[in-house]
């Protein structure tokens, strides 16, 4: 729900019914801003979340804060983090390490968004919305190229199967960026943008922050649910029962685990899947997210901070799982083998 800033901002959005939606968003945004409370709060894993293997780490704290916090965020092709600061309308680059403060950004801030589009990485480039249309970013956060014919108002997510961008701009657009000089865009029929977006592991379904799932090819609604304040999200890729579940970042400082198979296209509970699980709370105003393929974690914004959510060994969120560590038994066998090799070498050289 970022339309509070959009209502007063200079994004120039002309999507159909925009004025009515922005007014409704203004009222909702004020309520959410009051409810979200402290802009610097520690995101804490619940007992249920810990039992499922989730953990959190602070990545960057202390962004300038205007009620929205950092918005667009992605991991750049060179491995650094690109984050947009709404308060001063600039993009900043950070190392992809935990425990940083805002003051540790790499280089100066450069012109970015004042509100409210997400960022994503595809085809060796970072992409996002600026001045209500698609842009391609250099690794220092500057704009390499603008695409005025492709609108971007809110969420952006990369399809993990074909590398297309899914973009929220009134409707949802499927954008092929394989030709960076001239990306092609297709409006998905019957879709409504929501806010944040994410895409299923098989590349067939796009989920909005309204927690509605659409078939990317046909626009048919295949899933519907409701979580208060739902915004950015990611989908788990794992070799266990968590595979395919949605991780939802909430404006109220909560993070939820949702099973899409547990609800049908009308929001009715099915006989399949699992009930919702609150996996983290005590945060600030949660917003967009982005996957970090270097370790399988999900970077998510919370008030004036960016946090890292991880789901354990063999599990990734919005990206491939982390590399599995060898089992303790395997480690012991390797150690014994190395010890035996060392003894045989000493014996061969007459050492006792």
Protein backbone atom coordinates (compact mmCIF):
# COMPACT_ATOMS: atom_id res chain seq x y z
CA UNK A 1 0.00 0.00 0.00
CA UNK A 2 2.34 2.68 -1.22
CA UNK A 3 -0.26 4.94 -2.80
CA UNK A 4 -0.04 7.47 0.05
CA UNK A 5 3.19 8.80 -1.47
CA UNK A 6 1.98 8.26 -5.02
CA UNK A 7 -1.10 10.41 -4.36
CA UNK A 8 1.06 13.42 -3.53
CA UNK A 9 4.08 12.43 -5.65
CA UNK A 10 5.19 13.17 -9.17
CA UNK A 11 5.04 9.70 -10.64
CA UNK A 12 2.56 10.81 -13.29
CA UNK A 13 0.61 7.53 -13.13
CA UNK A 14 -2.28 7.50 -15.58
CA UNK A 15 -3.55 3.99 -15.01
CA UNK A 16 -7.32 3.58 -15.33
CA UNK A 17 -9.21 4.58 -12.20
CA UNK A 18 -5.96 5.82 -10.67
CA UNK A 19 -7.44 8.80 -8.82
CA UNK A 20 -10.10 6.73 -7.08
CA UNK A 21 -7.60 4.03 -6.17
CA UNK A 22 -5.11 6.57 -4.85
CA UNK A 23 -7.72 8.22 -2.65
CA UNK A 24 -8.71 4.85 -1.21
CA UNK A 25 -5.02 4.05 -0.82
CA UNK A 26 -4.45 7.35 0.98
CA UNK A 27 -6.99 6.46 3.67
CA UNK A 28 -5.64 2.91 3.97
CA UNK A 29 -2.05 4.13 3.95
CA UNK A 30 -2.68 6.48 6.87
CA UNK A 31 -4.15 3.64 8.89
CA UNK A 32 -1.22 1.37 8.04
CA UNK A 33 1.31 4.06 8.91
CA UNK A 34 -0.21 4.42 12.37
CA UNK A 35 -0.41 0.67 12.87
CA UNK A 36 3.14 -0.02 11.69
CA UNK A 37 4.60 2.03 14.53
CA UNK A 38 8.37 2.20 15.03
CA UNK A 39 10.39 2.49 11.79
CA UNK A 40 13.35 0.74 13.49
CA UNK A 41 12.12 -2.56 14.91
CA UNK A 42 13.76 -5.98 15.07
CA UNK A 43 12.14 -8.63 12.91
CA UNK A 44 11.87 -11.64 15.21
CA UNK A 45 11.28 -15.23 14.15
CA UNK A 46 8.32 -16.80 15.95
CA UNK A 47 8.50 -20.22 17.58
CA UNK A 48 6.57 -21.65 14.63
CA UNK A 49 8.96 -20.00 12.18
CA UNK A 50 12.01 -21.30 14.02
CA UNK A 51 10.52 -24.78 14.04
CA UNK A 52 10.28 -24.63 10.25
CA UNK A 53 13.93 -23.53 9.91
CA UNK A 54 13.52 -19.77 9.34
CA UNK A 55 16.01 -17.19 10.60
CA UNK A 56 16.66 -13.45 10.13
CA UNK A 57 19.66 -11.12 9.97
CA UNK A 58 19.85 -7.35 9.71
CA UNK A 59 21.44 -6.33 6.39
CA UNK A 60 21.18 -2.51 6.25
CA UNK A 61 19.73 -0.28 8.96
CA UNK A 62 18.95 3.42 9.18
CA UNK A 63 17.67 4.53 5.78
CA UNK A 64 16.26 8.07 5.66
CA UNK A 65 12.61 7.53 6.49
CA UNK A 66 9.46 9.24 5.22
CA UNK A 67 6.90 6.62 6.19
CA UNK A 68 7.68 4.22 3.35
CA UNK A 69 11.33 3.32 3.84
CA UNK A 70 13.50 1.79 1.12
CA UNK A 71 11.31 0.49 -1.71
CA UNK A 72 12.97 -0.86 -4.86
CA UNK A 73 15.61 -3.43 -3.98
CA UNK A 74 17.52 -6.05 -5.96
CA UNK A 75 20.83 -7.89 -6.00
CA UNK A 76 22.87 -6.47 -8.87
CA UNK A 77 24.61 -8.68 -11.45
CA UNK A 78 27.97 -7.87 -9.79
CA UNK A 79 26.69 -9.17 -6.43
CA UNK A 80 26.07 -5.84 -4.69
CA UNK A 81 22.67 -4.65 -3.46
CA UNK A 82 20.79 -1.80 -5.16
CA UNK A 83 18.21 -0.09 -2.93
CA UNK A 84 15.99 2.91 -3.48
CA UNK A 85 15.55 5.46 -0.68
CA UNK A 86 12.11 7.05 -1.02
CA UNK A 87 12.86 9.81 1.49
CA UNK A 88 15.52 11.47 -0.70
CA UNK A 89 14.61 9.89 -4.05
CA UNK A 90 18.02 8.30 -4.60
CA UNK A 91 19.43 4.87 -5.38
CA UNK A 92 22.24 3.51 -3.21
CA UNK A 93 24.59 0.56 -3.64
CA UNK A 94 25.71 -1.67 -0.75
CA UNK A 95 27.83 -4.76 -0.33
CA UNK A 96 25.80 -7.95 0.06
CA UNK A 97 26.79 -8.53 3.69
CA UNK A 98 24.91 -8.39 6.96
CA UNK A 99 25.22 -5.83 9.77
CA UNK A 100 25.64 -2.64 7.71
CA UNK A 101 24.31 0.84 8.37
CA UNK A 102 22.98 3.18 5.70
CA UNK A 103 26.16 5.28 5.98
CA UNK A 104 28.19 2.37 4.57
CA UNK A 105 26.75 2.66 1.06
CA UNK A 106 29.24 2.37 -1.79
CA UNK A 107 29.74 5.63 -3.68
CA UNK A 108 27.27 8.52 -3.74
CA UNK A 109 23.53 8.17 -4.08
CA UNK A 110 22.22 8.76 -7.61
CA UNK A 111 18.83 9.93 -8.88
CA UNK A 112 16.15 7.30 -8.30
CA UNK A 113 12.47 6.95 -7.45
CA UNK A 114 10.48 9.11 -5.06
CA UNK A 115 7.83 6.38 -5.16
CA UNK A 116 7.06 3.44 -5.66
CA UNK A 117 8.26 0.82 -8.14
CA UNK A 118 10.11 -2.39 -7.32
CA UNK A 119 13.40 -3.58 -8.85
CA UNK A 120 14.51 -6.98 -10.18
CA UNK A 121 17.46 -8.55 -11.99
CA UNK A 122 17.27 -10.41 -15.32
CA UNK A 123 19.42 -11.08 -18.39
CA UNK A 124 22.53 -9.71 -16.68
CA UNK A 125 20.97 -6.36 -15.76
CA UNK A 126 18.99 -4.75 -12.94
CA UNK A 127 15.58 -3.37 -13.95
CA UNK A 128 12.89 -1.31 -12.27
CA UNK A 129 10.46 1.55 -12.50
CA UNK A 130 11.41 5.21 -12.58
CA UNK A 131 9.08 8.07 -13.50
CA UNK A 132 6.36 5.43 -14.08
CA UNK A 133 8.16 3.49 -16.81
CA UNK A 134 10.72 0.70 -17.12
CA UNK A 135 14.43 1.47 -16.84
CA UNK A 136 17.59 -0.62 -16.93
CA UNK A 137 20.22 0.15 -14.28
CA UNK A 138 24.00 0.13 -14.32
CA UNK A 139 25.78 -1.43 -11.36
CA UNK A 140 26.24 2.01 -9.75
CA UNK A 141 22.48 2.64 -9.73
CA UNK A 142 22.46 5.08 -12.65
CA UNK A 143 20.06 4.52 -15.53
CA UNK A 144 21.55 2.76 -18.57
CA UNK A 145 18.39 2.99 -20.68
CA UNK A 146 14.75 4.07 -20.33
CA UNK A 147 11.74 2.44 -21.98
CA UNK A 148 8.89 5.01 -21.92
CA UNK A 149 6.49 2.65 -23.73
CA UNK A 150 6.53 0.09 -20.88
CA UNK A 151 4.71 1.32 -17.74
CA UNK A 152 5.81 0.41 -14.22
CA UNK A 153 3.88 1.64 -11.18
CA UNK A 154 4.57 -0.95 -8.50
CA UNK A 155 5.80 -4.54 -8.31
CA UNK A 156 8.47 -6.10 -10.53
CA UNK A 157 9.54 -9.76 -10.36
CA UNK A 158 11.59 -12.05 -12.58
CA UNK A 159 10.02 -15.22 -13.92
CA UNK A 160 12.50 -17.94 -12.79
CA UNK A 161 11.82 -20.08 -15.89
CA UNK A 162 12.10 -17.70 -18.86
CA UNK A 163 13.65 -14.56 -17.32
CA UNK A 164 10.72 -12.33 -18.28
CA UNK A 165 9.78 -9.45 -15.97
CA UNK A 166 6.29 -9.44 -14.45
CA UNK A 167 5.31 -5.81 -13.89
CA UNK A 168 2.44 -4.16 -12.01
CA UNK A 169 1.04 -1.18 -13.90
CA UNK A 170 -2.73 -1.09 -13.47
CA UNK A 171 -2.84 -4.55 -15.03
CA UNK A 172 0.04 -7.02 -14.95
CA UNK A 173 2.46 -7.07 -17.88
CA UNK A 174 4.70 -9.90 -19.05
CA UNK A 175 7.88 -8.30 -20.43
CA UNK A 176 10.52 -10.17 -22.41
CA UNK A 177 13.88 -8.45 -21.77
CA UNK A 178 16.06 -10.84 -23.78
CA UNK A 179 16.56 -7.97 -26.25
CA UNK A 180 17.74 -5.19 -23.95
CA UNK A 181 17.54 -2.61 -26.74
CA UNK A 182 13.83 -3.20 -27.30
CA UNK A 183 12.01 -5.35 -24.70
CA UNK A 184 8.58 -6.60 -25.77
CA UNK A 185 5.58 -6.24 -23.46
CA UNK A 186 2.30 -8.18 -23.27
CA UNK A 187 -0.62 -7.17 -21.06
CA UNK A 188 -2.02 -10.21 -19.24
CA UNK A 189 -5.81 -10.10 -19.76
CA UNK A 190 -8.15 -9.80 -16.79
CA UNK A 191 -5.44 -9.02 -14.23
CA UNK A 192 -5.32 -6.36 -11.54
CA UNK A 193 -1.91 -5.22 -10.37
CA UNK A 194 -2.12 -5.42 -6.59
CA UNK A 195 1.23 -4.04 -5.43
CA UNK A 196 4.14 -6.42 -4.88
CA UNK A 197 4.43 -9.40 -7.24
CA UNK A 198 6.07 -12.81 -7.21
CA UNK A 199 6.08 -15.78 -9.62
CA UNK A 200 5.66 -19.50 -9.00
CA UNK A 201 8.59 -21.89 -9.33
CA UNK A 202 7.22 -23.35 -12.56
CA UNK A 203 6.88 -19.87 -14.10
CA UNK A 204 3.15 -20.28 -14.74
CA UNK A 205 1.50 -18.19 -11.99
CA UNK A 206 1.99 -14.58 -10.89
CA UNK A 207 0.86 -13.64 -7.38
CA UNK A 208 -0.05 -10.09 -6.37
CA UNK A 209 0.05 -8.44 -2.96
CA UNK A 210 -3.74 -8.76 -2.88
CA UNK A 211 -2.86 -12.47 -2.66
CA UNK A 212 -4.51 -13.25 -5.97
CA UNK A 213 -2.81 -15.72 -8.30
CA UNK A 214 -3.22 -15.43 -12.08
CA UNK A 215 -2.25 -17.79 -14.87
CA UNK A 216 0.44 -15.80 -16.73
CA UNK A 217 -0.65 -17.00 -20.17
CA UNK A 218 -4.44 -16.68 -19.88
CA UNK A 219 -4.99 -14.27 -16.97
CA UNK A 220 -7.35 -16.76 -15.32
CA UNK A 221 -7.56 -16.40 -11.55
CA UNK A 222 -6.28 -19.59 -9.89
CA UNK A 223 -5.82 -18.53 -6.26
CA UNK A 224 -7.23 -16.00 -3.81
CA UNK A 225 -6.62 -15.32 -0.14
CA UNK A 226 -6.35 -12.40 2.28
CA UNK A 227 -3.63 -11.31 4.71
CA UNK A 228 -3.79 -7.85 6.32
CA UNK A 229 -1.16 -5.50 4.93
CA UNK A 230 0.27 -8.06 2.47
CA UNK A 231 2.86 -6.46 0.19
CA UNK A 232 6.12 -7.96 -1.12
CA UNK A 233 6.44 -11.74 -1.33
CA UNK A 234 8.61 -14.63 -2.42
CA UNK A 235 8.12 -18.33 -3.10
CA UNK A 236 10.07 -21.15 -1.49
CA UNK A 237 12.15 -23.53 -3.59
CA UNK A 238 13.10 -26.51 -1.45
CA UNK A 239 13.38 -30.27 -1.23
CA UNK A 240 10.90 -30.47 1.64
CA UNK A 241 7.24 -29.73 2.38
CA UNK A 242 7.84 -25.95 2.25
CA UNK A 243 8.37 -26.07 -1.52
CA UNK A 244 5.98 -23.74 -3.36
CA UNK A 245 4.76 -21.86 -0.31
CA UNK A 246 4.44 -18.09 -0.38
CA UNK A 247 6.39 -15.89 2.05
CA UNK A 248 4.43 -12.65 2.48
CA UNK A 249 5.89 -9.42 3.90
CA UNK A 250 3.25 -7.32 5.67
CA UNK A 251 2.89 -3.57 6.19
CA UNK A 252 2.21 -4.43 9.84
CA UNK A 253 5.71 -5.81 10.49
CA UNK A 254 4.70 -9.47 10.13
CA UNK A 255 5.90 -12.18 7.74
CA UNK A 256 3.48 -14.98 6.85
CA UNK A 257 3.86 -18.41 5.26
CA UNK A 258 0.95 -19.19 2.91
CA UNK A 259 0.23 -22.46 1.10
CA UNK A 260 -1.35 -21.66 -2.30
CA UNK A 261 -2.82 -25.18 -2.53
CA UNK A 262 -4.89 -24.49 0.60
CA UNK A 263 -7.13 -21.93 -1.18
CA UNK A 264 -9.01 -21.93 -4.46
CA UNK A 265 -9.64 -19.09 -6.92
CA UNK A 266 -12.50 -17.78 -4.76
CA UNK A 267 -10.61 -17.84 -1.46
CA UNK A 268 -12.29 -20.99 -0.19
CA UNK A 269 -10.25 -23.40 1.92
CA UNK A 270 -9.54 -26.64 0.09
CA UNK A 271 -8.81 -30.06 1.50
CA UNK A 272 -5.19 -29.68 0.43
CA UNK A 273 -2.18 -27.93 1.90
CA UNK A 274 -1.54 -26.25 5.23
CA UNK A 275 -3.01 -23.34 7.17
CA UNK A 276 -1.25 -19.96 7.34
CA UNK A 277 1.76 -19.68 9.68
CA UNK A 278 3.10 -16.45 11.23
CA UNK A 279 6.86 -16.96 10.87
CA UNK A 280 8.15 -13.52 11.98
CA UNK A 281 6.81 -10.44 13.75
CA UNK A 282 7.85 -7.37 15.79
CA UNK A 283 9.00 -5.66 12.59
CA UNK A 284 8.15 -2.26 11.14
CA UNK A 285 6.40 -1.44 7.85
CA UNK A 286 7.14 -4.36 5.53
CA UNK A 287 7.25 -3.70 1.80
CA UNK A 288 8.99 -5.10 -1.29
CA UNK A 289 11.31 -8.10 -1.31
CA UNK A 290 13.97 -9.56 -3.61
CA UNK A 291 15.71 -12.97 -3.78
CA UNK A 292 19.44 -13.29 -3.15
CA UNK A 293 20.68 -16.14 -5.32
CA UNK A 294 24.10 -16.13 -3.63
CA UNK A 295 22.68 -17.86 -0.56
CA UNK A 296 18.98 -18.58 -1.15
CA UNK A 297 17.71 -15.88 1.21
CA UNK A 298 15.02 -13.25 0.68
CA UNK A 299 15.90 -9.59 1.26
CA UNK A 300 12.92 -7.66 2.57
CA UNK A 301 12.30 -4.08 3.62
CA UNK A 302 10.99 -3.32 7.10
CA UNK A 303 10.52 0.39 7.89
CA UNK A 304 13.88 2.14 7.54
CA UNK A 305 15.78 -1.16 7.37
CA UNK A 306 16.47 -4.13 5.11
CA UNK A 307 16.46 -7.64 6.57
CA UNK A 308 17.46 -11.08 5.33
CA UNK A 309 15.07 -14.00 5.75
CA UNK A 310 16.52 -17.50 5.36
CA UNK A 311 14.74 -20.84 5.44
CA UNK A 312 17.56 -23.29 6.21
CA UNK A 313 19.71 -25.81 4.40
CA UNK A 314 18.37 -27.04 1.08
CA UNK A 315 15.82 -24.22 1.00
CA UNK A 316 15.68 -20.95 -0.95
CA UNK A 317 13.10 -18.16 -1.15
CA UNK A 318 12.40 -16.88 -4.65
CA UNK A 319 15.60 -18.51 -5.88
CA UNK A 320 17.44 -21.82 -5.85
CA UNK A 321 18.22 -23.31 -2.42
CA UNK A 322 21.48 -22.76 -0.62
CA UNK A 323 24.16 -25.36 -1.34
CA UNK A 324 23.66 -28.25 1.03
CA UNK A 325 26.34 -28.79 3.60
CA UNK A 326 27.68 -32.33 4.00
CA UNK A 327 26.07 -34.40 6.72
CA UNK A 328 28.03 -34.75 9.98
CA UNK A 329 28.66 -38.40 9.24
CA UNK A 330 30.15 -37.53 5.87
CA UNK A 331 32.38 -34.92 7.50
CA UNK A 332 33.66 -37.53 9.94
CA UNK A 333 34.42 -40.01 7.15
CA UNK A 334 36.33 -37.37 5.20
CA UNK A 335 38.32 -36.46 8.32
CA UNK A 336 39.24 -40.12 8.93
CA UNK A 337 40.27 -40.55 5.32
CA UNK A 338 42.51 -37.47 5.48
CA UNK A 339 44.04 -38.70 8.74
CA UNK A 340 44.78 -42.08 7.17
CA UNK A 341 46.39 -40.40 4.18
CA UNK A 342 48.61 -38.28 6.43
CA UNK A 343 49.74 -41.33 8.44
CA UNK A 344 50.57 -43.32 5.29
CA UNK A 345 52.58 -40.42 3.89
CA UNK A 346 54.59 -40.06 7.11
CA UNK A 347 55.28 -43.82 7.11
CA UNK A 348 56.39 -43.73 3.48
CA UNK A 349 58.94 -41.04 4.27
CA UNK A 350 60.20 -42.82 7.39
CA UNK A 351 58.53 -40.43 9.82
CA UNK A 352 57.13 -41.77 13.10
